[in-house]
Amino acid sequence: MTEAQVAQMQKLPLVMISASPWRILIYHPKWSQSLRSFIAKRLSKGAVFEGLGNVASVELKIPGYRVGCYYCLFQNEKLLPETVMTDSEHNPSEYVVCFLGGSEKGLELFRLELDKYVQGLKNNMNCEERGLESHRKSYLSSWFEDVVCPIQRVVLLFQEKLTFLLHAALSYTPVEVKESDEKTKRDINRFLSVASLQGLIHEGTMTSLCMAMTEEQHKSVVIDCSSSQPQFCNAGSNRFCEDWMQAFLNGAEGGNPFLFRQVLENFKLKAIQDTNNLKRFIRQAEMNHYALFKCYMFLKNCGSGDILLKIVKVEHEEMPEAKNVVAVLEEFMKEALDQSF
């Protein structure tokens, strides 16, 4: 990128909303010039794709204090009234939206959600409704509450009952929310979406597993939010989910909303690691009886054997030898469950 192009980037309209990790929302136009220079340099270092945001770390007014910075370039025919410019050389339909808050690592966890949020701004700009300008400002200033805080709100709402929500997400069990306001329902659905293993296991496996869980249970997990403490019906749990529920509650003491997303990512990573370990043991067990015993002990001790066994059962449905191993493991686990009562 040439110096002229970098200079041109510095003239892009900048819509900037900042937030501290403690949800204090600030609009600070005094930062815009230094932030323009920072983003122009970042954009000059590589390809920039419209609608696909990036996350970096930026130092603003306080030396040595760096804050996470999400920025996204997008194009739109309609102009934001507050960013109309007289520079005839600039294409007024191009904007950079910038959100400041937390750390670079923390914001990176929400990059895809922030991309969708910017797309929502673009959709709003294409509307012709009255009062749209105030709606856009409200939309932009709410980014932290709408994108970063839902997981934290769900943890604080459910407390120890969060284990039921984790189990439903991990087992692909349908969830129905009743007697809830729209914000709480969106928060719960967002949590379930982020907590599921969607995108981390084969899409065909996920589809088959959803069908299998629906056919097996016949009932969704029902969450009744009519009282101050949500009530669950048809909910399940296991030791794995109970342990991770405690990790979330421990994180609640610090009050950092970015931490909850990191805990949730660690939860999914551990579930995937356990699934891969079980599949490896099953491959070994096809030729080795001792490996079959290792499979059984792993399922018994991992805390989520009920869910892992369903996942591998779906994946190995078309593999006769592995299918036989899974059938034996199912029988072992059933006997162990009967003996525990």
C-alpha atoms as a PDB file:
ATOM      1  CA  MET A   1       0.000   0.000   0.000  1.00  0.00           C
ATOM      2  CA  THR A   2       1.403   3.398  -1.002  1.00  0.00           C
ATOM      3  CA  GLU A   3       1.786   6.417   1.298  1.00  0.00           C
ATOM      4  CA  ALA A   4      -1.064   8.096  -0.556  1.00  0.00           C
ATOM      5  CA  GLN A   5      -3.317   5.097   0.101  1.00  0.00           C
ATOM      6  CA  VAL A   6      -2.373   5.107   3.784  1.00  0.00           C
ATOM      7  CA  ALA A   7      -3.213   8.816   3.969  1.00  0.00           C
ATOM      8  CA  GLN A   8      -6.521   8.089   2.271  1.00  0.00           C
ATOM      9  CA  MET A   9      -7.261   5.415   4.867  1.00  0.00           C
ATOM     10  CA  GLN A  10      -6.768   8.024   7.604  1.00  0.00           C
ATOM     11  CA  LYS A  11      -9.682  10.004   6.150  1.00  0.00           C
ATOM     12  CA  LEU A  12     -12.184   7.166   6.466  1.00  0.00           C
ATOM     13  CA  PRO A  13     -15.139   8.078   8.689  1.00  0.00           C
ATOM     14  CA  LEU A  14     -14.540   6.505  12.076  1.00  0.00           C
ATOM     15  CA  VAL A  15     -17.462   5.389  14.225  1.00  0.00           C
ATOM     16  CA  MET A  16     -15.883   4.646  17.582  1.00  0.00           C
ATOM     17  CA  ILE A  17     -17.482   3.282  20.738  1.00  0.00           C
ATOM     18  CA  SER A  18     -15.298   2.361  23.698  1.00  0.00           C
ATOM     19  CA  ALA A  19     -15.956   0.358  26.842  1.00  0.00           C
ATOM     20  CA  SER A  20     -13.959  -0.684  29.872  1.00  0.00           C
ATOM     21  CA  PRO A  21     -13.948  -4.307  31.065  1.00  0.00           C
ATOM     22  CA  TRP A  22     -16.446  -3.159  33.701  1.00  0.00           C
ATOM     23  CA  ARG A  23     -19.146  -2.158  31.222  1.00  0.00           C
ATOM     24  CA  ILE A  24     -18.672   1.630  31.515  1.00  0.00           C
ATOM     25  CA  LEU A  25     -19.669   2.884  28.075  1.00  0.00           C
ATOM     26  CA  ILE A  26     -17.876   5.980  26.741  1.00  0.00           C
ATOM     27  CA  TYR A  27     -17.963   7.843  23.471  1.00  0.00           C
ATOM     28  CA  HIS A  28     -14.630   9.661  23.252  1.00  0.00           C
ATOM     29  CA  PRO A  29     -14.139  11.620  19.995  1.00  0.00           C
ATOM     30  CA  LYS A  30     -10.842  13.088  21.280  1.00  0.00           C
ATOM     31  CA  TRP A  31      -9.242   9.719  20.597  1.00  0.00           C
ATOM     32  CA  SER A  32     -10.350   9.566  17.002  1.00  0.00           C
ATOM     33  CA  GLN A  33      -7.264  11.125  15.369  1.00  0.00           C
ATOM     34  CA  SER A  34      -4.733   8.877  17.123  1.00  0.00           C
ATOM     35  CA  LEU A  35      -7.006   5.918  16.493  1.00  0.00           C
ATOM     36  CA  ARG A  36      -7.312   6.812  12.806  1.00  0.00           C
ATOM     37  CA  SER A  37      -3.518   6.752  12.508  1.00  0.00           C
ATOM     38  CA  PHE A  38      -3.302   3.424  14.319  1.00  0.00           C
ATOM     39  CA  ILE A  39      -5.959   1.760  12.176  1.00  0.00           C
ATOM     40  CA  ALA A  40      -4.538   3.203   8.951  1.00  0.00           C
ATOM     41  CA  LYS A  41      -1.200   1.565   9.764  1.00  0.00           C
ATOM     42  CA  ARG A  42      -2.913  -1.724  10.578  1.00  0.00           C
ATOM     43  CA  LEU A  43      -4.896  -1.673   7.359  1.00  0.00           C
ATOM     44  CA  SER A  44      -1.757  -0.932   5.361  1.00  0.00           C
ATOM     45  CA  LYS A  45      -0.045  -4.112   6.576  1.00  0.00           C
ATOM     46  CA  GLY A  46      -2.307  -6.567   4.788  1.00  0.00           C
ATOM     47  CA  ALA A  47      -5.456  -7.338   2.859  1.00  0.00           C
ATOM     48  CA  VAL A  48      -8.631  -5.895   4.324  1.00  0.00           C
ATOM     49  CA  PHE A  49     -11.935  -7.538   3.488  1.00  0.00           C
ATOM     50  CA  GLU A  50     -15.197  -5.679   3.821  1.00  0.00           C
ATOM     51  CA  GLY A  51     -17.287  -7.048   6.669  1.00  0.00           C
ATOM     52  CA  LEU A  52     -14.503  -9.162   8.198  1.00  0.00           C
ATOM     53  CA  GLY A  53     -13.171  -7.513  11.336  1.00  0.00           C
ATOM     54  CA  ASN A  54      -9.732  -7.647  12.907  1.00  0.00           C
ATOM     55  CA  VAL A  55      -8.564  -7.368  16.499  1.00  0.00           C
ATOM     56  CA  ALA A  56      -5.423  -5.616  17.718  1.00  0.00           C
ATOM     57  CA  SER A  57      -4.018  -4.004  20.848  1.00  0.00           C
ATOM     58  CA  VAL A  58      -3.770  -0.206  20.966  1.00  0.00           C
ATOM     59  CA  GLU A  59      -2.217   2.308  23.365  1.00  0.00           C
ATOM     60  CA  LEU A  60      -4.196   5.548  23.607  1.00  0.00           C
ATOM     61  CA  LYS A  61      -3.985   8.307  26.215  1.00  0.00           C
ATOM     62  CA  ILE A  62      -2.395   6.387  29.088  1.00  0.00           C
ATOM     63  CA  PRO A  63       1.233   5.313  28.336  1.00  0.00           C
ATOM     64  CA  GLY A  64       1.792   1.629  28.930  1.00  0.00           C
ATOM     65  CA  TYR A  65      -1.934   0.839  29.103  1.00  0.00           C
ATOM     66  CA  ARG A  66      -3.147  -1.094  26.101  1.00  0.00           C
ATOM     67  CA  VAL A  67      -6.727  -1.914  25.232  1.00  0.00           C
ATOM     68  CA  GLY A  68      -8.302  -4.388  22.818  1.00  0.00           C
ATOM     69  CA  CYS A  69      -9.412  -2.814  19.547  1.00  0.00           C
ATOM     70  CA  TYR A  70     -11.808  -4.426  17.071  1.00  0.00           C
ATOM     71  CA  TYR A  71     -12.086  -2.659  13.723  1.00  0.00           C
ATOM     72  CA  CYS A  72     -14.087  -3.510  10.637  1.00  0.00           C
ATOM     73  CA  LEU A  73     -14.325  -1.891   7.215  1.00  0.00           C
ATOM     74  CA  PHE A  74     -17.710  -1.893   5.523  1.00  0.00           C
ATOM     75  CA  GLN A  75     -19.343  -0.159   2.585  1.00  0.00           C
ATOM     76  CA  ASN A  76     -22.824   1.264   2.345  1.00  0.00           C
ATOM     77  CA  GLU A  77     -24.664   3.580  -0.017  1.00  0.00           C
ATOM     78  CA  LYS A  78     -26.377   5.500   2.781  1.00  0.00           C
ATOM     79  CA  LEU A  79     -24.349   7.846   4.979  1.00  0.00           C
ATOM     80  CA  LEU A  80     -24.257   8.121   8.726  1.00  0.00           C
ATOM     81  CA  PRO A  81     -25.220  11.775   9.392  1.00  0.00           C
ATOM     82  CA  GLU A  82     -22.417  12.225  11.922  1.00  0.00           C
ATOM     83  CA  THR A  83     -19.755  11.128   9.420  1.00  0.00           C
ATOM     84  CA  VAL A  84     -20.625  13.148   6.314  1.00  0.00           C
ATOM     85  CA  MET A  85     -17.381  14.616   4.977  1.00  0.00           C
ATOM     86  CA  THR A  86     -16.614  17.306   2.457  1.00  0.00           C
ATOM     87  CA  ASP A  87     -13.481  15.637   1.113  1.00  0.00           C
ATOM     88  CA  SER A  88     -14.397  15.002  -2.507  1.00  0.00           C
ATOM     89  CA  GLU A  89     -11.527  12.533  -2.942  1.00  0.00           C
ATOM     90  CA  HIS A  90     -12.970  10.204  -0.344  1.00  0.00           C
ATOM     91  CA  ASN A  91     -15.643   7.639  -1.031  1.00  0.00           C
ATOM     92  CA  PRO A  92     -18.231   8.534   1.645  1.00  0.00           C
ATOM     93  CA  SER A  93     -19.803   5.078   1.517  1.00  0.00           C
ATOM     94  CA  GLU A  94     -16.824   3.464   3.291  1.00  0.00           C
ATOM     95  CA  TYR A  95     -16.649   3.304   7.062  1.00  0.00           C
ATOM     96  CA  VAL A  96     -14.479   1.842   9.767  1.00  0.00           C
ATOM     97  CA  VAL A  97     -16.348   0.756  12.883  1.00  0.00           C
ATOM     98  CA  CYS A  98     -14.136   0.463  15.933  1.00  0.00           C
ATOM     99  CA  PHE A  99     -14.950  -1.047  19.335  1.00  0.00           C
ATOM    100  CA  LEU A 100     -12.576  -0.680  22.287  1.00  0.00           C
ATOM    101  CA  GLY A 101     -12.678  -2.840  25.398  1.00  0.00           C
ATOM    102  CA  GLY A 102     -10.832  -5.461  27.401  1.00  0.00           C
ATOM    103  CA  SER A 103      -7.691  -6.970  25.895  1.00  0.00           C
ATOM    104  CA  GLU A 104      -6.780  -8.098  22.391  1.00  0.00           C
ATOM    105  CA  LYS A 105      -7.079 -11.724  23.485  1.00  0.00           C
ATOM    106  CA  GLY A 106     -10.474 -11.077  25.061  1.00  0.00           C
ATOM    107  CA  LEU A 107     -11.961  -9.304  22.040  1.00  0.00           C
ATOM    108  CA  GLU A 108     -10.607 -11.967  19.677  1.00  0.00           C
ATOM    109  CA  LEU A 109     -12.949 -14.468  21.341  1.00  0.00           C
ATOM    110  CA  PHE A 110     -15.894 -12.365  20.148  1.00  0.00           C
ATOM    111  CA  ARG A 111     -14.638 -11.435  16.678  1.00  0.00           C
ATOM    112  CA  LEU A 112     -17.248 -13.425  14.741  1.00  0.00           C
ATOM    113  CA  GLU A 113     -20.066 -12.041  16.887  1.00  0.00           C
ATOM    114  CA  LEU A 114     -18.749  -8.512  16.356  1.00  0.00           C
ATOM    115  CA  ASP A 115     -18.712  -9.108  12.589  1.00  0.00           C
ATOM    116  CA  LYS A 116     -22.414  -9.966  12.806  1.00  0.00           C
ATOM    117  CA  TYR A 117     -23.016  -6.916  14.961  1.00  0.00           C
ATOM    118  CA  VAL A 118     -21.448  -4.631  12.354  1.00  0.00           C
ATOM    119  CA  GLN A 119     -23.598  -6.319   9.711  1.00  0.00           C
ATOM    120  CA  GLY A 120     -26.579  -5.376  11.855  1.00  0.00           C
ATOM    121  CA  LEU A 121     -25.480  -1.736  11.695  1.00  0.00           C
ATOM    122  CA  LYS A 122     -25.260  -1.982   7.922  1.00  0.00           C
ATOM    123  CA  ASN A 123     -28.778  -3.420   7.782  1.00  0.00           C
ATOM    124  CA  ASN A 124     -30.044  -0.569   9.966  1.00  0.00           C
ATOM    125  CA  MET A 125     -28.527   1.990   7.607  1.00  0.00           C
ATOM    126  CA  ASN A 126     -30.541   0.546   4.736  1.00  0.00           C
ATOM    127  CA  CYS A 127     -33.833   1.197   6.525  1.00  0.00           C
ATOM    128  CA  GLU A 128     -35.939   4.288   5.937  1.00  0.00           C
ATOM    129  CA  GLU A 129     -37.590   4.462   9.355  1.00  0.00           C
ATOM    130  CA  ARG A 130     -37.931   7.724  11.255  1.00  0.00           C
ATOM    131  CA  GLY A 131     -35.654   8.170  14.249  1.00  0.00           C
ATOM    132  CA  LEU A 132     -33.098   5.854  12.703  1.00  0.00           C
ATOM    133  CA  GLU A 133     -30.135   8.025  13.690  1.00  0.00           C
ATOM    134  CA  SER A 134     -30.874   7.748  17.419  1.00  0.00           C
ATOM    135  CA  HIS A 135     -31.473   4.011  16.976  1.00  0.00           C
ATOM    136  CA  ARG A 136     -28.043   3.608  15.341  1.00  0.00           C
ATOM    137  CA  LYS A 137     -26.320   5.471  18.149  1.00  0.00           C
ATOM    138  CA  SER A 138     -28.100   3.322  20.706  1.00  0.00           C
ATOM    139  CA  TYR A 139     -27.195   0.187  18.728  1.00  0.00           C
ATOM    140  CA  LEU A 140     -23.507   1.115  18.593  1.00  0.00           C
ATOM    141  CA  SER A 141     -23.277   2.116  22.248  1.00  0.00           C
ATOM    142  CA  SER A 142     -24.885  -1.210  23.265  1.00  0.00           C
ATOM    143  CA  TRP A 143     -22.253  -3.416  21.612  1.00  0.00           C
ATOM    144  CA  PHE A 144     -20.618  -4.428  24.893  1.00  0.00           C
ATOM    145  CA  GLU A 145     -23.900  -5.383  26.558  1.00  0.00           C
ATOM    146  CA  ASP A 146     -25.214  -7.173  23.474  1.00  0.00           C
ATOM    147  CA  VAL A 147     -22.078  -9.059  22.385  1.00  0.00           C
ATOM    148  CA  VAL A 148     -19.775  -9.550  25.384  1.00  0.00           C
ATOM    149  CA  CYS A 149     -22.086  -9.720  28.408  1.00  0.00           C
ATOM    150  CA  PRO A 150     -24.746 -12.375  27.539  1.00  0.00           C
ATOM    151  CA  ILE A 151     -22.632 -15.290  28.828  1.00  0.00           C
ATOM    152  CA  GLN A 152     -21.984 -13.477  32.089  1.00  0.00           C
ATOM    153  CA  ARG A 153     -25.688 -12.716  32.521  1.00  0.00           C
ATOM    154  CA  VAL A 154     -26.597 -16.378  31.955  1.00  0.00           C
ATOM    155  CA  VAL A 155     -24.036 -17.554  34.526  1.00  0.00           C
ATOM    156  CA  LEU A 156     -25.323 -15.095  37.121  1.00  0.00           C
ATOM    157  CA  LEU A 157     -28.942 -16.034  36.362  1.00  0.00           C
ATOM    158  CA  PHE A 158     -28.603 -19.815  36.596  1.00  0.00           C
ATOM    159  CA  GLN A 159     -25.803 -20.203  39.173  1.00  0.00           C
ATOM    160  CA  GLU A 160     -25.584 -23.926  40.138  1.00  0.00           C
ATOM    161  CA  LYS A 161     -28.306 -24.778  37.601  1.00  0.00           C
ATOM    162  CA  LEU A 162     -25.889 -23.823  34.841  1.00  0.00           C
ATOM    163  CA  THR A 163     -24.846 -27.485  34.817  1.00  0.00           C
ATOM    164  CA  PHE A 164     -28.183 -28.349  33.149  1.00  0.00           C
ATOM    165  CA  LEU A 165     -27.572 -25.807  30.396  1.00  0.00           C
ATOM    166  CA  LEU A 166     -24.030 -27.084  29.792  1.00  0.00           C
ATOM    167  CA  HIS A 167     -25.311 -30.663  29.562  1.00  0.00           C
ATOM    168  CA  ALA A 168     -28.024 -29.665  27.074  1.00  0.00           C
ATOM    169  CA  ALA A 169     -25.490 -27.835  24.892  1.00  0.00           C
ATOM    170  CA  LEU A 170     -22.991 -30.696  24.968  1.00  0.00           C
ATOM    171  CA  SER A 171     -25.605 -33.377  24.255  1.00  0.00           C
ATOM    172  CA  TYR A 172     -27.434 -31.404  21.520  1.00  0.00           C
ATOM    173  CA  THR A 173     -30.668 -31.656  23.468  1.00  0.00           C
ATOM    174  CA  PRO A 174     -33.334 -29.174  22.277  1.00  0.00           C
ATOM    175  CA  VAL A 175     -34.101 -26.418  24.784  1.00  0.00           C
ATOM    176  CA  GLU A 176     -37.398 -24.555  25.105  1.00  0.00           C
ATOM    177  CA  VAL A 177     -37.524 -21.296  27.085  1.00  0.00           C
ATOM    178  CA  LYS A 178     -40.906 -20.295  28.543  1.00  0.00           C
ATOM    179  CA  GLU A 179     -42.233 -17.197  30.328  1.00  0.00           C
ATOM    180  CA  SER A 180     -39.110 -15.202  29.558  1.00  0.00           C
ATOM    181  CA  ASP A 181     -38.479 -11.711  28.231  1.00  0.00           C
ATOM    182  CA  GLU A 182     -36.809 -11.482  24.824  1.00  0.00           C
ATOM    183  CA  LYS A 183     -33.438 -10.372  26.202  1.00  0.00           C
ATOM    184  CA  THR A 184     -33.147 -13.358  28.541  1.00  0.00           C
ATOM    185  CA  LYS A 185     -34.255 -15.746  25.801  1.00  0.00           C
ATOM    186  CA  ARG A 186     -31.619 -14.323  23.436  1.00  0.00           C
ATOM    187  CA  ASP A 187     -28.968 -14.648  26.134  1.00  0.00           C
ATOM    188  CA  ILE A 188     -29.846 -18.310  26.765  1.00  0.00           C
ATOM    189  CA  ASN A 189     -29.876 -19.159  23.061  1.00  0.00           C
ATOM    190  CA  ARG A 190     -26.561 -17.346  22.591  1.00  0.00           C
ATOM    191  CA  PHE A 191     -25.029 -19.328  25.453  1.00  0.00           C
ATOM    192  CA  LEU A 192     -26.276 -22.639  24.031  1.00  0.00           C
ATOM    193  CA  SER A 193     -24.950 -21.766  20.579  1.00  0.00           C
ATOM    194  CA  VAL A 194     -21.498 -20.834  21.860  1.00  0.00           C
ATOM    195  CA  ALA A 195     -21.316 -23.808  24.258  1.00  0.00           C
ATOM    196  CA  SER A 196     -22.175 -26.437  21.631  1.00  0.00           C
ATOM    197  CA  LEU A 197     -19.513 -28.288  19.657  1.00  0.00           C
ATOM    198  CA  GLN A 198     -20.953 -27.054  16.372  1.00  0.00           C
ATOM    199  CA  GLY A 199     -18.121 -26.443  13.940  1.00  0.00           C
ATOM    200  CA  LEU A 200     -15.704 -28.538  16.008  1.00  0.00           C
ATOM    201  CA  ILE A 201     -16.985 -31.975  15.018  1.00  0.00           C
ATOM    202  CA  HIS A 202     -18.047 -33.282  11.621  1.00  0.00           C
ATOM    203  CA  GLU A 203     -21.261 -31.635  10.416  1.00  0.00           C
ATOM    204  CA  GLY A 204     -22.819 -34.979   9.479  1.00  0.00           C
ATOM    205  CA  THR A 205     -22.075 -36.324  12.951  1.00  0.00           C
ATOM    206  CA  MET A 206     -23.683 -33.287  14.537  1.00  0.00           C
ATOM    207  CA  THR A 207     -26.834 -33.628  12.423  1.00  0.00           C
ATOM    208  CA  SER A 208     -27.146 -37.349  13.176  1.00  0.00           C
ATOM    209  CA  LEU A 209     -26.549 -36.734  16.864  1.00  0.00           C
ATOM    210  CA  CYS A 210     -29.253 -34.060  17.018  1.00  0.00           C
ATOM    211  CA  MET A 211     -31.699 -36.468  15.382  1.00  0.00           C
ATOM    212  CA  ALA A 212     -30.688 -39.314  17.691  1.00  0.00           C
ATOM    213  CA  MET A 213     -31.069 -37.198  20.838  1.00  0.00           C
ATOM    214  CA  THR A 214     -34.462 -35.906  19.707  1.00  0.00           C
ATOM    215  CA  GLU A 215     -35.739 -39.413  18.922  1.00  0.00           C
ATOM    216  CA  GLU A 216     -34.345 -40.870  22.130  1.00  0.00           C
ATOM    217  CA  GLN A 217     -35.642 -38.293  24.575  1.00  0.00           C
ATOM    218  CA  HIS A 218     -38.819 -37.206  22.790  1.00  0.00           C
ATOM    219  CA  LYS A 219     -38.849 -34.150  25.052  1.00  0.00           C
ATOM    220  CA  SER A 220     -36.952 -30.890  25.068  1.00  0.00           C
ATOM    221  CA  VAL A 221     -35.352 -29.449  28.164  1.00  0.00           C
ATOM    222  CA  VAL A 222     -37.862 -26.840  29.335  1.00  0.00           C
ATOM    223  CA  ILE A 223     -36.719 -23.720  31.194  1.00  0.00           C
ATOM    224  CA  ASP A 224     -39.473 -21.847  33.023  1.00  0.00           C
ATOM    225  CA  CYS A 225     -38.405 -18.261  33.737  1.00  0.00           C
ATOM    226  CA  SER A 226     -41.673 -17.123  35.316  1.00  0.00           C
ATOM    227  CA  SER A 227     -40.015 -16.756  38.748  1.00  0.00           C
ATOM    228  CA  SER A 228     -36.773 -15.118  39.883  1.00  0.00           C
ATOM    229  CA  GLN A 229     -35.064 -18.532  39.860  1.00  0.00           C
ATOM    230  CA  PRO A 230     -35.456 -20.430  36.552  1.00  0.00           C
ATOM    231  CA  GLN A 231     -36.884 -23.943  36.856  1.00  0.00           C
ATOM    232  CA  PHE A 232     -35.812 -26.873  34.650  1.00  0.00           C
ATOM    233  CA  CYS A 233     -37.857 -29.806  33.415  1.00  0.00           C
ATOM    234  CA  ASN A 234     -36.416 -32.925  31.676  1.00  0.00           C
ATOM    235  CA  ALA A 235     -32.881 -31.647  32.375  1.00  0.00           C
ATOM    236  CA  GLY A 236     -29.799 -33.841  32.600  1.00  0.00           C
ATOM    237  CA  SER A 237     -26.357 -33.438  34.096  1.00  0.00           C
ATOM    238  CA  ASN A 238     -23.110 -35.291  34.728  1.00  0.00           C
ATOM    239  CA  ARG A 239     -19.924 -34.820  36.727  1.00  0.00           C
ATOM    240  CA  PHE A 240     -18.117 -33.155  33.820  1.00  0.00           C
ATOM    241  CA  CYS A 241     -20.749 -30.412  33.548  1.00  0.00           C
ATOM    242  CA  GLU A 242     -20.917 -30.003  37.330  1.00  0.00           C
ATOM    243  CA  ASP A 243     -17.151 -29.441  37.498  1.00  0.00           C
ATOM    244  CA  TRP A 244     -17.271 -26.839  34.734  1.00  0.00           C
ATOM    245  CA  MET A 245     -20.277 -25.154  36.324  1.00  0.00           C
ATOM    246  CA  GLN A 246     -18.075 -24.583  39.360  1.00  0.00           C
ATOM    247  CA  ALA A 247     -15.367 -23.087  37.137  1.00  0.00           C
ATOM    248  CA  PHE A 248     -17.912 -20.555  35.858  1.00  0.00           C
ATOM    249  CA  LEU A 249     -19.052 -19.671  39.369  1.00  0.00           C
ATOM    250  CA  ASN A 250     -15.449 -19.194  40.471  1.00  0.00           C
ATOM    251  CA  GLY A 251     -14.968 -16.808  37.546  1.00  0.00           C
ATOM    252  CA  ALA A 252     -18.051 -14.832  38.572  1.00  0.00           C
ATOM    253  CA  GLU A 253     -16.204 -13.566  41.636  1.00  0.00           C
ATOM    254  CA  GLY A 254     -13.870 -11.489  39.454  1.00  0.00           C
ATOM    255  CA  GLY A 255     -16.664  -9.858  37.449  1.00  0.00           C
ATOM    256  CA  ASN A 256     -14.731  -9.875  34.147  1.00  0.00           C
ATOM    257  CA  PRO A 257     -17.185 -10.752  31.317  1.00  0.00           C
ATOM    258  CA  PHE A 258     -14.358 -11.768  28.970  1.00  0.00           C
ATOM    259  CA  LEU A 259     -13.298 -14.499  31.406  1.00  0.00           C
ATOM    260  CA  PHE A 260     -16.591 -16.370  31.033  1.00  0.00           C
ATOM    261  CA  ARG A 261     -16.083 -16.749  27.286  1.00  0.00           C
ATOM    262  CA  GLN A 262     -12.573 -18.111  27.856  1.00  0.00           C
ATOM    263  CA  VAL A 263     -13.927 -20.639  30.371  1.00  0.00           C
ATOM    264  CA  LEU A 264     -16.568 -21.665  27.833  1.00  0.00           C
ATOM    265  CA  GLU A 265     -13.918 -22.169  25.140  1.00  0.00           C
ATOM    266  CA  ASN A 266     -11.863 -24.276  27.567  1.00  0.00           C
ATOM    267  CA  PHE A 267     -14.989 -26.317  28.337  1.00  0.00           C
ATOM    268  CA  LYS A 268     -15.453 -27.119  24.643  1.00  0.00           C
ATOM    269  CA  LEU A 269     -11.743 -27.835  24.151  1.00  0.00           C
ATOM    270  CA  LYS A 270     -11.762 -30.379  26.979  1.00  0.00           C
ATOM    271  CA  ALA A 271     -14.900 -32.036  25.560  1.00  0.00           C
ATOM    272  CA  ILE A 272     -13.250 -32.354  22.134  1.00  0.00           C
ATOM    273  CA  GLN A 273     -10.052 -33.742  23.682  1.00  0.00           C
ATOM    274  CA  ASP A 274     -12.033 -36.367  25.587  1.00  0.00           C
ATOM    275  CA  THR A 275     -13.970 -37.292  22.437  1.00  0.00           C
ATOM    276  CA  ASN A 276     -10.763 -37.724  20.434  1.00  0.00           C
ATOM    277  CA  ASN A 277      -9.167 -39.793  23.203  1.00  0.00           C
ATOM    278  CA  LEU A 278     -12.185 -42.103  23.307  1.00  0.00           C
ATOM    279  CA  LYS A 279     -12.123 -42.554  19.524  1.00  0.00           C
ATOM    280  CA  ARG A 280      -8.427 -43.424  19.717  1.00  0.00           C
ATOM    281  CA  PHE A 281      -9.087 -46.003  22.436  1.00  0.00           C
ATOM    282  CA  ILE A 282     -11.916 -47.503  20.359  1.00  0.00           C
ATOM    283  CA  ARG A 283      -9.608 -47.948  17.353  1.00  0.00           C
ATOM    284  CA  GLN A 284      -7.140 -49.764  19.602  1.00  0.00           C
ATOM    285  CA  ALA A 285      -9.911 -51.857  21.173  1.00  0.00           C
ATOM    286  CA  GLU A 286     -10.885 -53.302  17.795  1.00  0.00           C
ATOM    287  CA  MET A 287      -7.765 -55.500  18.061  1.00  0.00           C
ATOM    288  CA  ASN A 288      -6.928 -55.470  21.767  1.00  0.00           C
ATOM    289  CA  HIS A 289      -9.109 -56.520  24.701  1.00  0.00           C
ATOM    290  CA  TYR A 290      -6.975 -54.578  27.183  1.00  0.00           C
ATOM    291  CA  ALA A 291      -7.656 -51.418  25.161  1.00  0.00           C
ATOM    292  CA  LEU A 292     -11.362 -52.209  25.501  1.00  0.00           C
ATOM    293  CA  PHE A 293     -10.918 -52.133  29.269  1.00  0.00           C
ATOM    294  CA  LYS A 294      -9.092 -48.796  28.931  1.00  0.00           C
ATOM    295  CA  CYS A 295     -12.084 -47.483  26.981  1.00  0.00           C
ATOM    296  CA  TYR A 296     -14.416 -48.532  29.738  1.00  0.00           C
ATOM    297  CA  MET A 297     -12.291 -46.994  32.497  1.00  0.00           C
ATOM    298  CA  PHE A 298     -11.960 -43.770  30.524  1.00  0.00           C
ATOM    299  CA  LEU A 299     -15.729 -43.520  30.070  1.00  0.00           C
ATOM    300  CA  LYS A 300     -16.279 -44.291  33.731  1.00  0.00           C
ATOM    301  CA  ASN A 301     -13.824 -41.671  35.000  1.00  0.00           C
ATOM    302  CA  CYS A 302     -14.078 -38.787  32.509  1.00  0.00           C
ATOM    303  CA  GLY A 303     -17.369 -37.518  33.922  1.00  0.00           C
ATOM    304  CA  SER A 304     -19.146 -37.242  30.568  1.00  0.00           C
ATOM    305  CA  GLY A 305     -19.233 -40.858  29.428  1.00  0.00           C
ATOM    306  CA  ASP A 306     -22.978 -40.694  28.747  1.00  0.00           C
ATOM    307  CA  ILE A 307     -22.531 -37.977  26.119  1.00  0.00           C
ATOM    308  CA  LEU A 308     -19.219 -39.160  24.643  1.00  0.00           C
ATOM    309  CA  LEU A 309     -20.617 -42.625  24.035  1.00  0.00           C
ATOM    310  CA  LYS A 310     -23.537 -41.170  22.072  1.00  0.00           C
ATOM    311  CA  ILE A 311     -21.172 -39.066  19.945  1.00  0.00           C
ATOM    312  CA  VAL A 312     -18.885 -41.963  19.005  1.00  0.00           C
ATOM    313  CA  LYS A 313     -21.873 -44.263  18.467  1.00  0.00           C
ATOM    314  CA  VAL A 314     -23.181 -41.935  15.764  1.00  0.00           C
ATOM    315  CA  GLU A 315     -19.738 -41.516  14.187  1.00  0.00           C
ATOM    316  CA  HIS A 316     -19.050 -45.265  14.066  1.00  0.00           C
ATOM    317  CA  GLU A 317     -22.499 -46.341  12.889  1.00  0.00           C
ATOM    318  CA  GLU A 318     -21.179 -47.471   9.498  1.00  0.00           C
ATOM    319  CA  MET A 319     -18.012 -49.168  10.845  1.00  0.00           C
ATOM    320  CA  PRO A 320     -18.845 -52.774  11.926  1.00  0.00           C
ATOM    321  CA  GLU A 321     -15.817 -53.465  14.139  1.00  0.00           C
ATOM    322  CA  ALA A 322     -15.979 -50.120  15.926  1.00  0.00           C
ATOM    323  CA  LYS A 323     -19.742 -50.468  16.201  1.00  0.00           C
ATOM    324  CA  ASN A 324     -19.284 -53.752  18.058  1.00  0.00           C
ATOM    325  CA  VAL A 325     -16.842 -52.111  20.479  1.00  0.00           C
ATOM    326  CA  VAL A 326     -19.318 -49.307  21.164  1.00  0.00           C
ATOM    327  CA  ALA A 327     -22.097 -51.857  21.779  1.00  0.00           C
ATOM    328  CA  VAL A 328     -19.952 -53.649  24.373  1.00  0.00           C
ATOM    329  CA  LEU A 329     -19.092 -50.339  26.045  1.00  0.00           C
ATOM    330  CA  GLU A 330     -22.771 -49.423  26.184  1.00  0.00           C
ATOM    331  CA  GLU A 331     -23.515 -52.706  27.968  1.00  0.00           C
ATOM    332  CA  PHE A 332     -20.663 -52.160  30.438  1.00  0.00           C
ATOM    333  CA  MET A 333     -21.835 -48.625  31.212  1.00  0.00           C
ATOM    334  CA  LYS A 334     -25.430 -49.785  31.659  1.00  0.00           C
ATOM    335  CA  GLU A 335     -24.336 -52.476  34.129  1.00  0.00           C
ATOM    336  CA  ALA A 336     -22.212 -49.948  36.029  1.00  0.00           C
ATOM    337  CA  LEU A 337     -25.167 -47.569  36.208  1.00  0.00           C
ATOM    338  CA  ASP A 338     -27.503 -50.319  37.471  1.00  0.00           C
ATOM    339  CA  GLN A 339     -25.005 -51.291  40.175  1.00  0.00           C
ATOM    340  CA  SER A 340     -24.756 -47.698  41.396  1.00  0.00           C
ATOM    341  CA  PHE A 341     -28.443 -47.687  42.388  1.00  0.00           C
END
